[in-house]
Amino acid sequence: MENNEQSKTEYELKKEQKIQDAQKQQARNRTRKTGRVVVYLIVLLLVVFGIYKIAARKSVPPPGQFYEAQSREHIDIGVTHPAYNSNPPSGGWHYAAPAQSGIYDKELLDEQIIHNLEHGHIWFTYKPDLAKDQIEALADIAKSYGYRVIMTPRKANDSPIAIVAWQYVYKIDAVNETTEPQIRAFVGAYRNIAGPERNIPDSGFGDFRGKTVVPSVSPAHVD
């Protein structure tokens, strides 16, 4: 009798242990399942947030003002034409050959650079009395892009600095931590995009300041 009672007790103990083990396993399984769900939710939230950020960036237009190009006509050097509708000009009558992209310390003719804009180039232009450190800050940004960027002084500007693309002008007073991202947003939006003649080979980029000879333009730039 005593053996039967002892065996029963052992049986019940083992049964209880099995139940407890099963309950623990179920708890572990629930924890794992909950962990996986949390991970999936975090990944989903990150994906949604990433999509939202991309959409937000696309929804914010680049800086600058739009000016419809008055013409794409080629004119001979020195020929008069109607006044441009923006300052600096961002489209219109222009000479048959553009300038070589690069940084200049002398003014180039508007009619020549407009041809660069037609090719999708970006024009960094500034008033000649701009502070030297500002000129260098602007030049550093221009150098970071190189191809399809041209930088020149221009007395007729009505703002210290203007960043120009075909049909777009962005005017600022100085290069600083606020305006530099805006300049780069402008370049990213319009370089080799805004001009009606895109993907035309660029003849090279250089810093031509202090040089007396204006670099020539390759035949690939003439259309």
N, C-alpha and C. Protein backbone atom coordinates (compact mmCIF):
# COMPACT_ATOMS: atom_id res chain seq x y z
N MET A 1 0.82 -1.20 0.00
CA MET A 1 0.00 0.00 0.00
C MET A 1 0.86 1.25 0.00
N GLU A 2 1.86 1.16 0.86
CA GLU A 2 2.78 2.31 0.94
C GLU A 2 3.50 2.55 -0.36
N ASN A 3 3.88 1.46 -1.07
CA ASN A 3 4.57 1.60 -2.35
C ASN A 3 3.66 2.24 -3.39
N ASN A 4 2.37 1.84 -3.34
CA ASN A 4 1.42 2.41 -4.30
C ASN A 4 1.27 3.91 -4.09
N GLU A 5 1.18 4.28 -2.79
CA GLU A 5 1.04 5.71 -2.49
C GLU A 5 2.30 6.49 -2.91
N GLN A 6 3.46 5.87 -2.69
CA GLN A 6 4.72 6.52 -3.07
C GLN A 6 4.82 6.67 -4.58
N SER A 7 4.40 5.62 -5.32
CA SER A 7 4.44 5.67 -6.79
C SER A 7 3.48 6.73 -7.31
N LYS A 8 2.33 6.82 -6.64
CA LYS A 8 1.35 7.83 -7.05
C LYS A 8 1.89 9.22 -6.84
N THR A 9 2.56 9.41 -5.74
CA THR A 9 3.12 10.72 -5.44
C THR A 9 4.19 11.08 -6.47
N GLU A 10 5.03 10.12 -6.78
CA GLU A 10 6.07 10.37 -7.79
C GLU A 10 5.45 10.67 -9.15
N TYR A 11 4.38 9.95 -9.46
CA TYR A 11 3.68 10.17 -10.73
C TYR A 11 3.10 11.58 -10.79
N GLU A 12 2.47 11.98 -9.67
CA GLU A 12 1.88 13.32 -9.63
C GLU A 12 2.94 14.40 -9.71
N LEU A 13 4.07 14.13 -9.04
CA LEU A 13 5.16 15.10 -9.10
C LEU A 13 5.70 15.26 -10.52
N LYS A 14 5.87 14.12 -11.18
CA LYS A 14 6.36 14.17 -12.56
C LYS A 14 5.35 14.85 -13.48
N LYS A 15 4.05 14.56 -13.22
CA LYS A 15 3.01 15.18 -14.02
C LYS A 15 3.01 16.69 -13.83
N GLU A 16 3.14 17.11 -12.58
CA GLU A 16 3.18 18.54 -12.29
C GLU A 16 4.41 19.20 -12.93
N GLN A 17 5.53 18.45 -12.88
CA GLN A 17 6.76 18.98 -13.47
C GLN A 17 6.62 19.16 -14.98
N LYS A 18 5.96 18.17 -15.60
CA LYS A 18 5.73 18.26 -17.04
C LYS A 18 4.84 19.45 -17.37
N ILE A 19 3.80 19.63 -16.54
CA ILE A 19 2.90 20.77 -16.76
C ILE A 19 3.66 22.08 -16.63
N GLN A 20 4.48 22.15 -15.59
CA GLN A 20 5.27 23.37 -15.37
C GLN A 20 6.25 23.61 -16.52
N ASP A 21 6.90 22.52 -16.97
CA ASP A 21 7.84 22.66 -18.10
C ASP A 21 7.11 23.13 -19.35
N ALA A 22 5.91 22.57 -19.57
CA ALA A 22 5.13 22.97 -20.75
C ALA A 22 4.73 24.43 -20.66
N GLN A 23 4.34 24.83 -19.45
CA GLN A 23 3.95 26.24 -19.26
C GLN A 23 5.14 27.17 -19.49
N LYS A 24 6.30 26.77 -19.01
CA LYS A 24 7.50 27.58 -19.23
C LYS A 24 7.85 27.67 -20.71
N GLN A 25 7.72 26.53 -21.42
CA GLN A 25 8.02 26.53 -22.86
C GLN A 25 7.05 27.43 -23.61
N GLN A 26 5.75 27.34 -23.20
CA GLN A 26 4.76 28.21 -23.82
C GLN A 26 5.08 29.69 -23.57
N ALA A 27 5.53 29.97 -22.35
CA ALA A 27 5.89 31.36 -22.02
C ALA A 27 7.08 31.82 -22.86
N ARG A 28 8.07 30.92 -23.01
CA ARG A 28 9.23 31.26 -23.84
C ARG A 28 8.81 31.49 -25.29
N ASN A 29 7.90 30.63 -25.78
CA ASN A 29 7.43 30.78 -27.16
C ASN A 29 6.69 32.11 -27.34
N ARG A 30 5.86 32.45 -26.33
CA ARG A 30 5.14 33.73 -26.41
C ARG A 30 6.10 34.91 -26.41
N THR A 31 7.16 34.78 -25.58
CA THR A 31 8.17 35.86 -25.51
C THR A 31 8.88 36.02 -26.84
N ARG A 32 9.25 34.85 -27.44
CA ARG A 32 9.92 34.91 -28.74
C ARG A 32 9.00 35.52 -29.80
N LYS A 33 7.74 35.09 -29.78
CA LYS A 33 6.78 35.61 -30.76
C LYS A 33 6.58 37.11 -30.58
N THR A 34 6.46 37.51 -29.30
CA THR A 34 6.31 38.95 -29.03
C THR A 34 7.53 39.72 -29.49
N GLY A 35 8.72 39.15 -29.26
CA GLY A 35 9.97 39.80 -29.69
C GLY A 35 10.03 39.96 -31.19
N ARG A 36 9.61 38.91 -31.90
CA ARG A 36 9.61 38.99 -33.36
C ARG A 36 8.64 40.05 -33.86
N VAL A 37 7.47 40.10 -33.22
CA VAL A 37 6.48 41.11 -33.60
C VAL A 37 7.03 42.51 -33.37
N VAL A 38 7.70 42.71 -32.23
CA VAL A 38 8.28 44.03 -31.92
C VAL A 38 9.33 44.40 -32.95
N VAL A 39 10.18 43.42 -33.31
CA VAL A 39 11.22 43.68 -34.31
C VAL A 39 10.58 44.04 -35.65
N TYR A 40 9.57 43.29 -36.05
CA TYR A 40 8.89 43.57 -37.32
C TYR A 40 8.27 44.96 -37.30
N LEU A 41 7.67 45.34 -36.17
CA LEU A 41 7.06 46.65 -36.06
C LEU A 41 8.12 47.76 -36.15
N ILE A 42 9.26 47.53 -35.50
CA ILE A 42 10.34 48.53 -35.55
C ILE A 42 10.85 48.69 -36.98
N VAL A 43 11.06 47.56 -37.67
CA VAL A 43 11.52 47.61 -39.05
C VAL A 43 10.50 48.33 -39.92
N LEU A 44 9.21 48.00 -39.71
CA LEU A 44 8.15 48.65 -40.49
C LEU A 44 8.13 50.15 -40.24
N LEU A 45 8.28 50.55 -38.98
CA LEU A 45 8.29 51.97 -38.66
C LEU A 45 9.48 52.68 -39.30
N LEU A 46 10.65 52.02 -39.30
CA LEU A 46 11.83 52.61 -39.93
C LEU A 46 11.62 52.77 -41.43
N VAL A 47 11.02 51.76 -42.05
CA VAL A 47 10.76 51.84 -43.49
C VAL A 47 9.79 52.97 -43.79
N VAL A 48 8.72 53.05 -43.01
CA VAL A 48 7.73 54.11 -43.22
C VAL A 48 8.36 55.48 -43.00
N PHE A 49 9.19 55.59 -41.96
CA PHE A 49 9.85 56.86 -41.67
C PHE A 49 10.80 57.25 -42.80
N GLY A 50 11.52 56.24 -43.32
CA GLY A 50 12.43 56.52 -44.44
C GLY A 50 11.68 56.99 -45.67
N ILE A 51 10.55 56.33 -45.96
CA ILE A 51 9.74 56.75 -47.11
C ILE A 51 9.20 58.16 -46.89
N TYR A 52 8.80 58.44 -45.65
CA TYR A 52 8.28 59.77 -45.34
C TYR A 52 9.35 60.84 -45.54
N LYS A 53 10.58 60.55 -45.09
CA LYS A 53 11.66 61.52 -45.24
C LYS A 53 11.97 61.77 -46.71
N ILE A 54 11.99 60.70 -47.52
CA ILE A 54 12.25 60.86 -48.95
C ILE A 54 11.15 61.69 -49.60
N ALA A 55 9.91 61.38 -49.25
CA ALA A 55 8.78 62.12 -49.81
C ALA A 55 8.81 63.58 -49.37
N ALA A 56 9.22 63.80 -48.10
CA ALA A 56 9.28 65.17 -47.60
C ALA A 56 10.34 65.97 -48.34
N ARG A 57 11.49 65.33 -48.61
CA ARG A 57 12.56 66.02 -49.34
C ARG A 57 12.09 66.37 -50.75
N LYS A 58 11.37 65.43 -51.37
CA LYS A 58 10.90 65.68 -52.73
C LYS A 58 9.82 66.76 -52.77
N SER A 59 9.06 66.87 -51.68
CA SER A 59 7.96 67.83 -51.68
C SER A 59 8.44 69.25 -51.44
N VAL A 60 9.66 69.41 -50.90
CA VAL A 60 10.19 70.74 -50.64
C VAL A 60 10.93 71.21 -51.90
N PRO A 61 10.43 72.25 -52.55
CA PRO A 61 11.08 72.71 -53.79
C PRO A 61 12.43 73.32 -53.50
N PRO A 62 13.38 73.24 -54.42
CA PRO A 62 14.68 73.89 -54.23
C PRO A 62 14.50 75.40 -54.19
N PRO A 63 15.46 76.12 -53.63
CA PRO A 63 15.33 77.58 -53.55
C PRO A 63 15.48 78.23 -54.92
N GLY A 64 15.09 79.49 -54.98
CA GLY A 64 15.26 80.23 -56.22
C GLY A 64 13.94 80.62 -56.86
N GLN A 65 14.04 81.52 -57.82
CA GLN A 65 12.87 82.02 -58.53
C GLN A 65 12.94 81.62 -59.99
N PHE A 66 11.79 81.32 -60.55
CA PHE A 66 11.69 80.89 -61.94
C PHE A 66 11.50 82.10 -62.85
N TYR A 67 12.26 82.13 -63.96
CA TYR A 67 12.10 83.15 -65.00
C TYR A 67 12.05 82.43 -66.35
N GLU A 68 10.97 82.53 -67.04
CA GLU A 68 10.85 81.83 -68.32
C GLU A 68 11.84 82.40 -69.34
N ALA A 69 12.58 81.52 -69.97
CA ALA A 69 13.56 81.95 -70.98
C ALA A 69 12.86 82.65 -72.13
N GLN A 70 13.36 83.82 -72.50
CA GLN A 70 12.72 84.59 -73.57
C GLN A 70 13.06 84.08 -74.96
N SER A 71 14.20 83.39 -75.09
CA SER A 71 14.63 82.94 -76.40
C SER A 71 15.73 81.90 -76.23
N ARG A 72 15.97 81.11 -77.28
CA ARG A 72 17.14 80.24 -77.35
C ARG A 72 17.95 80.58 -78.60
N GLU A 73 17.72 81.76 -79.11
CA GLU A 73 18.36 82.17 -80.36
C GLU A 73 19.84 82.46 -80.18
N HIS A 74 20.66 82.00 -81.14
CA HIS A 74 22.07 82.37 -81.19
C HIS A 74 22.21 83.73 -81.87
N ILE A 75 23.06 84.56 -81.31
CA ILE A 75 23.30 85.87 -81.91
C ILE A 75 24.81 86.05 -82.08
N ASP A 76 25.20 86.91 -83.00
CA ASP A 76 26.62 87.22 -83.19
C ASP A 76 27.12 88.09 -82.05
N ILE A 77 28.42 88.00 -81.79
CA ILE A 77 29.01 88.79 -80.71
C ILE A 77 28.80 90.27 -80.98
N GLY A 78 28.30 90.97 -79.98
CA GLY A 78 28.10 92.41 -80.09
C GLY A 78 26.74 92.83 -80.60
N VAL A 79 25.96 91.88 -81.09
CA VAL A 79 24.62 92.21 -81.59
C VAL A 79 23.70 92.53 -80.42
N THR A 80 22.93 93.60 -80.56
CA THR A 80 22.02 93.98 -79.49
C THR A 80 20.80 93.07 -79.45
N HIS A 81 20.16 93.02 -78.30
CA HIS A 81 18.99 92.17 -78.12
C HIS A 81 18.14 92.79 -77.00
N PRO A 82 16.90 92.38 -76.85
CA PRO A 82 16.08 92.91 -75.76
C PRO A 82 16.70 92.62 -74.39
N ALA A 83 16.29 93.39 -73.40
CA ALA A 83 16.81 93.19 -72.04
C ALA A 83 16.37 91.84 -71.50
N TYR A 84 17.25 91.22 -70.72
CA TYR A 84 16.90 89.96 -70.08
C TYR A 84 15.90 90.19 -68.96
N ASN A 85 15.13 89.19 -68.65
CA ASN A 85 14.08 89.35 -67.64
C ASN A 85 14.50 88.95 -66.24
N SER A 86 15.77 88.65 -66.03
CA SER A 86 16.26 88.38 -64.68
C SER A 86 17.67 88.95 -64.53
N ASN A 87 18.07 89.16 -63.31
CA ASN A 87 19.42 89.67 -63.01
C ASN A 87 20.02 88.81 -61.90
N PRO A 88 21.04 88.01 -62.25
CA PRO A 88 21.68 87.79 -63.55
C PRO A 88 20.71 87.10 -64.53
N PRO A 89 21.01 87.19 -65.83
CA PRO A 89 20.16 86.53 -66.81
C PRO A 89 20.20 85.01 -66.64
N SER A 90 19.07 84.39 -66.89
CA SER A 90 18.98 82.94 -66.70
C SER A 90 18.47 82.23 -67.95
N GLY A 91 18.45 82.94 -69.06
CA GLY A 91 18.02 82.33 -70.32
C GLY A 91 17.75 83.43 -71.33
N GLY A 92 17.85 83.07 -72.60
CA GLY A 92 17.59 84.05 -73.64
C GLY A 92 18.65 84.03 -74.72
N TRP A 93 18.77 85.14 -75.41
CA TRP A 93 19.70 85.26 -76.53
C TRP A 93 21.12 85.02 -76.05
N HIS A 94 21.89 84.27 -76.85
CA HIS A 94 23.25 83.95 -76.41
C HIS A 94 24.16 83.68 -77.61
N TYR A 95 25.47 83.71 -77.31
CA TYR A 95 26.47 83.48 -78.36
C TYR A 95 26.57 81.99 -78.67
N ALA A 96 27.19 81.70 -79.81
CA ALA A 96 27.22 80.32 -80.32
C ALA A 96 28.13 79.40 -79.52
N ALA A 97 29.12 79.96 -78.81
CA ALA A 97 30.04 79.12 -78.05
C ALA A 97 30.00 79.49 -76.58
N PRO A 98 29.86 78.51 -75.70
CA PRO A 98 29.87 78.78 -74.26
C PRO A 98 31.30 78.94 -73.74
N ALA A 99 31.43 79.22 -72.47
CA ALA A 99 32.75 79.31 -71.83
C ALA A 99 33.12 77.95 -71.24
N GLN A 100 34.41 77.76 -71.04
CA GLN A 100 34.83 76.53 -70.36
C GLN A 100 34.45 76.64 -68.89
N SER A 101 33.96 75.58 -68.33
CA SER A 101 33.56 75.61 -66.93
C SER A 101 34.80 75.78 -66.06
N GLY A 102 34.61 76.44 -64.93
CA GLY A 102 35.73 76.71 -64.03
C GLY A 102 35.50 77.99 -63.24
N ILE A 103 36.53 78.41 -62.52
CA ILE A 103 36.45 79.59 -61.66
C ILE A 103 37.28 80.70 -62.28
N TYR A 104 36.65 81.85 -62.46
CA TYR A 104 37.30 83.00 -63.08
C TYR A 104 37.31 84.19 -62.10
N ASP A 105 38.31 85.04 -62.22
CA ASP A 105 38.32 86.27 -61.44
C ASP A 105 38.04 87.49 -62.31
N LYS A 106 37.67 87.25 -63.54
CA LYS A 106 37.29 88.33 -64.47
C LYS A 106 35.88 88.05 -65.00
N GLU A 107 35.18 89.13 -65.31
CA GLU A 107 33.84 88.97 -65.84
C GLU A 107 33.87 88.36 -67.24
N LEU A 108 32.90 87.51 -67.50
CA LEU A 108 32.67 87.00 -68.85
C LEU A 108 31.34 87.58 -69.32
N LEU A 109 31.13 87.59 -70.61
CA LEU A 109 29.91 88.17 -71.15
C LEU A 109 28.69 87.31 -70.81
N ASP A 110 27.62 87.99 -70.41
CA ASP A 110 26.39 87.27 -70.08
C ASP A 110 25.97 86.35 -71.22
N GLU A 111 26.07 86.87 -72.44
CA GLU A 111 25.60 86.11 -73.61
C GLU A 111 26.38 84.82 -73.81
N GLN A 112 27.61 84.79 -73.35
CA GLN A 112 28.39 83.57 -73.46
C GLN A 112 27.97 82.57 -72.38
N ILE A 113 27.83 83.05 -71.16
CA ILE A 113 27.51 82.13 -70.05
C ILE A 113 26.09 81.58 -70.17
N ILE A 114 25.20 82.35 -70.78
CA ILE A 114 23.84 81.83 -70.97
C ILE A 114 23.87 80.54 -71.79
N HIS A 115 24.85 80.45 -72.71
CA HIS A 115 24.97 79.19 -73.47
C HIS A 115 25.37 78.05 -72.53
N ASN A 116 26.21 78.34 -71.52
CA ASN A 116 26.52 77.33 -70.51
C ASN A 116 25.25 76.88 -69.79
N LEU A 117 24.42 77.84 -69.43
CA LEU A 117 23.17 77.50 -68.74
C LEU A 117 22.29 76.62 -69.61
N GLU A 118 22.28 76.90 -70.90
CA GLU A 118 21.49 76.09 -71.83
C GLU A 118 21.97 74.65 -71.82
N HIS A 119 23.26 74.45 -71.55
CA HIS A 119 23.84 73.10 -71.49
C HIS A 119 23.68 72.45 -70.12
N GLY A 120 22.92 73.09 -69.24
CA GLY A 120 22.69 72.50 -67.91
C GLY A 120 23.73 72.88 -66.89
N HIS A 121 24.57 73.89 -67.19
CA HIS A 121 25.58 74.31 -66.23
C HIS A 121 24.95 75.20 -65.15
N ILE A 122 25.65 75.31 -64.03
CA ILE A 122 25.26 76.21 -62.94
C ILE A 122 26.27 77.34 -62.87
N TRP A 123 25.77 78.56 -62.75
CA TRP A 123 26.62 79.76 -62.72
C TRP A 123 26.63 80.32 -61.31
N PHE A 124 27.82 80.33 -60.68
CA PHE A 124 28.03 81.00 -59.40
C PHE A 124 28.57 82.39 -59.71
N THR A 125 27.81 83.41 -59.42
CA THR A 125 28.25 84.76 -59.73
C THR A 125 28.12 85.67 -58.51
N TYR A 126 29.02 86.62 -58.40
CA TYR A 126 29.07 87.45 -57.20
C TYR A 126 29.55 88.86 -57.56
N LYS A 127 29.20 89.80 -56.72
CA LYS A 127 29.67 91.17 -56.93
C LYS A 127 31.16 91.23 -56.63
N PRO A 128 31.93 91.99 -57.42
CA PRO A 128 33.39 92.01 -57.27
C PRO A 128 33.88 92.45 -55.88
N ASP A 129 33.06 93.22 -55.16
CA ASP A 129 33.49 93.68 -53.84
C ASP A 129 33.12 92.69 -52.72
N LEU A 130 32.69 91.50 -53.08
CA LEU A 130 32.38 90.50 -52.06
C LEU A 130 33.64 90.18 -51.25
N ALA A 131 33.49 89.99 -49.96
CA ALA A 131 34.64 89.70 -49.09
C ALA A 131 35.38 88.46 -49.59
N LYS A 132 36.71 88.52 -49.44
CA LYS A 132 37.56 87.45 -49.97
C LYS A 132 37.21 86.09 -49.39
N ASP A 133 36.91 86.05 -48.09
CA ASP A 133 36.59 84.76 -47.47
C ASP A 133 35.28 84.19 -48.04
N GLN A 134 34.37 85.09 -48.43
CA GLN A 134 33.13 84.65 -49.05
C GLN A 134 33.37 84.11 -50.46
N ILE A 135 34.27 84.77 -51.19
CA ILE A 135 34.61 84.29 -52.53
C ILE A 135 35.21 82.90 -52.44
N GLU A 136 36.08 82.70 -51.45
CA GLU A 136 36.72 81.38 -51.30
C GLU A 136 35.71 80.33 -50.87
N ALA A 137 34.77 80.72 -50.01
CA ALA A 137 33.73 79.77 -49.59
C ALA A 137 32.89 79.33 -50.79
N LEU A 138 32.58 80.30 -51.65
CA LEU A 138 31.81 79.99 -52.85
C LEU A 138 32.63 79.13 -53.80
N ALA A 139 33.92 79.45 -53.92
CA ALA A 139 34.80 78.68 -54.80
C ALA A 139 34.94 77.23 -54.32
N ASP A 140 34.98 77.05 -53.00
CA ASP A 140 35.09 75.69 -52.46
C ASP A 140 33.88 74.85 -52.85
N ILE A 141 32.70 75.47 -52.82
CA ILE A 141 31.50 74.73 -53.22
C ILE A 141 31.56 74.42 -54.72
N ALA A 142 31.98 75.40 -55.51
CA ALA A 142 32.10 75.18 -56.96
C ALA A 142 33.07 74.04 -57.26
N LYS A 143 34.20 74.04 -56.56
CA LYS A 143 35.21 72.99 -56.79
C LYS A 143 34.69 71.61 -56.40
N SER A 144 33.81 71.56 -55.42
CA SER A 144 33.29 70.26 -54.98
C SER A 144 32.44 69.60 -56.07
N TYR A 145 31.96 70.39 -57.02
CA TYR A 145 31.19 69.85 -58.15
C TYR A 145 32.04 69.74 -59.41
N GLY A 146 32.80 70.80 -59.71
CA GLY A 146 33.64 70.76 -60.90
C GLY A 146 32.83 70.90 -62.16
N TYR A 147 32.75 69.82 -62.91
CA TYR A 147 32.10 69.85 -64.21
C TYR A 147 30.72 70.51 -64.15
N ARG A 148 30.43 71.25 -65.23
CA ARG A 148 29.15 71.93 -65.40
C ARG A 148 28.89 72.99 -64.33
N VAL A 149 29.95 73.60 -63.84
CA VAL A 149 29.84 74.74 -62.93
C VAL A 149 30.80 75.82 -63.41
N ILE A 150 30.33 77.06 -63.43
CA ILE A 150 31.18 78.18 -63.81
C ILE A 150 30.98 79.29 -62.77
N MET A 151 32.06 79.93 -62.37
CA MET A 151 32.00 80.96 -61.33
C MET A 151 32.72 82.21 -61.81
N THR A 152 32.03 83.35 -61.76
CA THR A 152 32.62 84.61 -62.20
C THR A 152 32.11 85.78 -61.36
N PRO A 153 32.88 86.86 -61.28
CA PRO A 153 32.34 88.09 -60.72
C PRO A 153 31.43 88.76 -61.74
N ARG A 154 30.53 89.62 -61.26
CA ARG A 154 29.64 90.34 -62.17
C ARG A 154 29.15 91.62 -61.48
N LYS A 155 29.58 92.77 -62.01
CA LYS A 155 29.27 94.06 -61.40
C LYS A 155 27.78 94.35 -61.39
N ALA A 156 27.06 93.92 -62.41
CA ALA A 156 25.65 94.29 -62.55
C ALA A 156 24.71 93.53 -61.63
N ASN A 157 25.23 92.59 -60.85
CA ASN A 157 24.36 91.85 -59.94
C ASN A 157 23.65 92.79 -58.97
N ASP A 158 22.43 92.46 -58.59
CA ASP A 158 21.72 93.25 -57.58
C ASP A 158 21.68 92.54 -56.23
N SER A 159 22.48 91.50 -56.08
CA SER A 159 22.65 90.82 -54.79
C SER A 159 24.12 90.42 -54.68
N PRO A 160 24.65 90.27 -53.47
CA PRO A 160 26.06 89.91 -53.32
C PRO A 160 26.43 88.61 -54.05
N ILE A 161 25.53 87.64 -54.00
CA ILE A 161 25.79 86.34 -54.62
C ILE A 161 24.51 85.88 -55.32
N ALA A 162 24.67 85.28 -56.48
CA ALA A 162 23.53 84.68 -57.18
C ALA A 162 23.97 83.35 -57.77
N ILE A 163 23.14 82.34 -57.58
CA ILE A 163 23.37 81.02 -58.16
C ILE A 163 22.33 80.85 -59.26
N VAL A 164 22.80 80.56 -60.47
CA VAL A 164 21.91 80.63 -61.63
C VAL A 164 21.92 79.30 -62.39
N ALA A 165 20.74 78.89 -62.80
CA ALA A 165 20.57 77.78 -63.73
C ALA A 165 19.68 78.29 -64.86
N TRP A 166 19.50 77.49 -65.89
CA TRP A 166 18.60 77.90 -66.97
C TRP A 166 17.20 78.10 -66.38
N GLN A 167 16.72 79.34 -66.42
CA GLN A 167 15.39 79.76 -65.97
C GLN A 167 15.23 79.85 -64.46
N TYR A 168 16.32 79.71 -63.70
CA TYR A 168 16.20 79.79 -62.24
C TYR A 168 17.33 80.64 -61.66
N VAL A 169 17.00 81.47 -60.66
CA VAL A 169 17.99 82.30 -59.99
C VAL A 169 17.76 82.23 -58.48
N TYR A 170 18.82 81.98 -57.74
CA TYR A 170 18.77 81.95 -56.28
C TYR A 170 19.75 83.00 -55.76
N LYS A 171 19.22 84.03 -55.07
CA LYS A 171 20.05 85.14 -54.60
C LYS A 171 20.24 85.06 -53.09
N ILE A 172 21.47 85.31 -52.65
CA ILE A 172 21.77 85.30 -51.22
C ILE A 172 22.76 86.42 -50.91
N ASP A 173 22.86 86.72 -49.62
CA ASP A 173 23.80 87.76 -49.18
C ASP A 173 25.17 87.19 -48.82
N ALA A 174 25.19 85.92 -48.38
CA ALA A 174 26.45 85.33 -47.93
C ALA A 174 26.37 83.82 -47.96
N VAL A 175 27.53 83.18 -48.00
CA VAL A 175 27.62 81.73 -47.85
C VAL A 175 27.79 81.45 -46.36
N ASN A 176 26.89 80.68 -45.79
CA ASN A 176 27.00 80.32 -44.38
C ASN A 176 26.36 78.95 -44.17
N GLU A 177 26.24 78.55 -42.90
CA GLU A 177 25.74 77.20 -42.62
C GLU A 177 24.27 77.03 -43.02
N THR A 178 23.57 78.13 -43.18
CA THR A 178 22.18 78.05 -43.62
C THR A 178 22.07 78.03 -45.14
N THR A 179 22.84 78.88 -45.80
CA THR A 179 22.70 79.00 -47.26
C THR A 179 23.46 77.92 -48.03
N GLU A 180 24.54 77.39 -47.46
CA GLU A 180 25.29 76.38 -48.21
C GLU A 180 24.43 75.16 -48.57
N PRO A 181 23.64 74.60 -47.61
CA PRO A 181 22.76 73.50 -48.01
C PRO A 181 21.76 73.89 -49.08
N GLN A 182 21.32 75.16 -49.05
CA GLN A 182 20.38 75.63 -50.06
C GLN A 182 21.06 75.72 -51.44
N ILE A 183 22.30 76.19 -51.44
CA ILE A 183 23.06 76.25 -52.69
C ILE A 183 23.18 74.84 -53.28
N ARG A 184 23.53 73.88 -52.41
CA ARG A 184 23.71 72.51 -52.87
C ARG A 184 22.39 71.89 -53.33
N ALA A 185 21.30 72.27 -52.68
CA ALA A 185 19.98 71.80 -53.13
C ALA A 185 19.66 72.35 -54.51
N PHE A 186 20.01 73.61 -54.74
CA PHE A 186 19.79 74.24 -56.05
C PHE A 186 20.61 73.52 -57.12
N VAL A 187 21.89 73.31 -56.83
CA VAL A 187 22.76 72.63 -57.80
C VAL A 187 22.24 71.21 -58.08
N GLY A 188 21.87 70.50 -57.01
CA GLY A 188 21.37 69.14 -57.19
C GLY A 188 20.09 69.07 -58.02
N ALA A 189 19.28 70.12 -57.90
CA ALA A 189 18.00 70.12 -58.62
C ALA A 189 18.14 70.47 -60.09
N TYR A 190 19.17 71.29 -60.44
CA TYR A 190 19.19 71.86 -61.78
C TYR A 190 20.43 71.56 -62.61
N ARG A 191 21.52 71.12 -62.01
CA ARG A 191 22.73 70.88 -62.82
C ARG A 191 22.49 69.71 -63.77
N ASN A 192 22.70 69.95 -65.05
CA ASN A 192 22.45 68.99 -66.13
C ASN A 192 21.00 68.53 -66.16
N ILE A 193 20.10 69.35 -65.63
CA ILE A 193 18.68 69.04 -65.61
C ILE A 193 17.87 70.19 -66.19
N ALA A 194 18.15 71.42 -65.71
CA ALA A 194 17.32 72.56 -66.11
C ALA A 194 17.53 72.96 -67.57
N GLY A 195 18.75 72.90 -68.06
CA GLY A 195 19.02 73.34 -69.42
C GLY A 195 18.36 72.44 -70.46
N PRO A 196 17.89 73.00 -71.55
CA PRO A 196 17.25 72.18 -72.59
C PRO A 196 18.23 71.31 -73.37
N GLU A 197 19.54 71.63 -73.30
CA GLU A 197 20.55 70.82 -74.00
C GLU A 197 21.42 70.14 -72.95
N ARG A 198 21.01 68.96 -72.53
CA ARG A 198 21.70 68.26 -71.45
C ARG A 198 22.65 67.20 -71.99
N ASN A 199 23.52 66.73 -71.09
CA ASN A 199 24.45 65.63 -71.38
C ASN A 199 25.46 65.97 -72.48
N ILE A 200 25.70 67.24 -72.70
CA ILE A 200 26.73 67.64 -73.66
C ILE A 200 28.08 67.57 -72.95
N PRO A 201 29.09 66.92 -73.52
CA PRO A 201 30.37 66.76 -72.84
C PRO A 201 30.96 68.10 -72.39
N ASP A 202 31.49 68.10 -71.18
CA ASP A 202 32.11 69.29 -70.62
C ASP A 202 33.60 69.24 -70.94
N SER A 203 34.16 70.38 -71.33
CA SER A 203 35.57 70.38 -71.76
C SER A 203 36.55 70.43 -70.60
N GLY A 204 36.06 70.40 -69.37
CA GLY A 204 36.96 70.37 -68.23
C GLY A 204 36.72 71.53 -67.28
N PHE A 205 37.17 71.39 -66.06
CA PHE A 205 36.97 72.40 -65.02
C PHE A 205 38.33 72.77 -64.44
N GLY A 206 38.54 74.07 -64.21
CA GLY A 206 39.80 74.50 -63.60
C GLY A 206 39.63 75.81 -62.87
N ASP A 207 40.62 76.14 -62.08
CA ASP A 207 40.65 77.44 -61.39
C ASP A 207 41.53 78.35 -62.22
N PHE A 208 40.90 79.26 -62.95
CA PHE A 208 41.62 80.12 -63.90
C PHE A 208 41.93 81.50 -63.33
N ARG A 209 41.78 81.68 -62.04
CA ARG A 209 42.05 82.99 -61.44
C ARG A 209 43.54 83.30 -61.53
N GLY A 210 43.83 84.53 -61.91
CA GLY A 210 45.21 84.97 -62.03
C GLY A 210 45.84 84.65 -63.37
N LYS A 211 45.10 83.99 -64.24
CA LYS A 211 45.64 83.66 -65.56
C LYS A 211 45.18 84.69 -66.58
N THR A 212 46.08 85.09 -67.45
CA THR A 212 45.78 86.14 -68.42
C THR A 212 45.10 85.60 -69.66
N VAL A 213 45.27 84.32 -69.94
CA VAL A 213 44.69 83.73 -71.15
C VAL A 213 43.40 83.02 -70.78
N VAL A 214 42.33 83.41 -71.44
CA VAL A 214 41.05 82.75 -71.21
C VAL A 214 41.08 81.39 -71.90
N PRO A 215 40.76 80.32 -71.19
CA PRO A 215 40.80 78.98 -71.82
C PRO A 215 39.85 78.88 -73.00
N SER A 216 40.25 78.11 -73.97
CA SER A 216 39.42 77.95 -75.17
C SER A 216 38.32 76.95 -74.91
N VAL A 217 37.34 76.94 -75.77
CA VAL A 217 36.21 76.01 -75.66
C VAL A 217 36.38 74.93 -76.70
N SER A 218 36.17 73.69 -76.29
CA SER A 218 36.32 72.58 -77.23
C SER A 218 35.18 72.59 -78.23
N PRO A 219 35.39 72.02 -79.42
CA PRO A 219 34.31 71.98 -80.44
C PRO A 219 33.07 71.29 -79.94
N ALA A 220 33.22 70.37 -78.93
CA ALA A 220 32.05 69.66 -78.43
C ALA A 220 31.07 70.57 -77.76
N HIS A 221 31.52 71.78 -77.37
CA HIS A 221 30.64 72.71 -76.70
C HIS A 221 29.89 73.61 -77.69
N VAL A 222 30.26 73.59 -78.91
CA VAL A 222 29.64 74.49 -79.88
C VAL A 222 28.51 73.77 -80.58
N ASP A 223 27.32 74.39 -80.59
CA ASP A 223 26.20 73.74 -81.28
C ASP A 223 25.48 74.74 -82.16
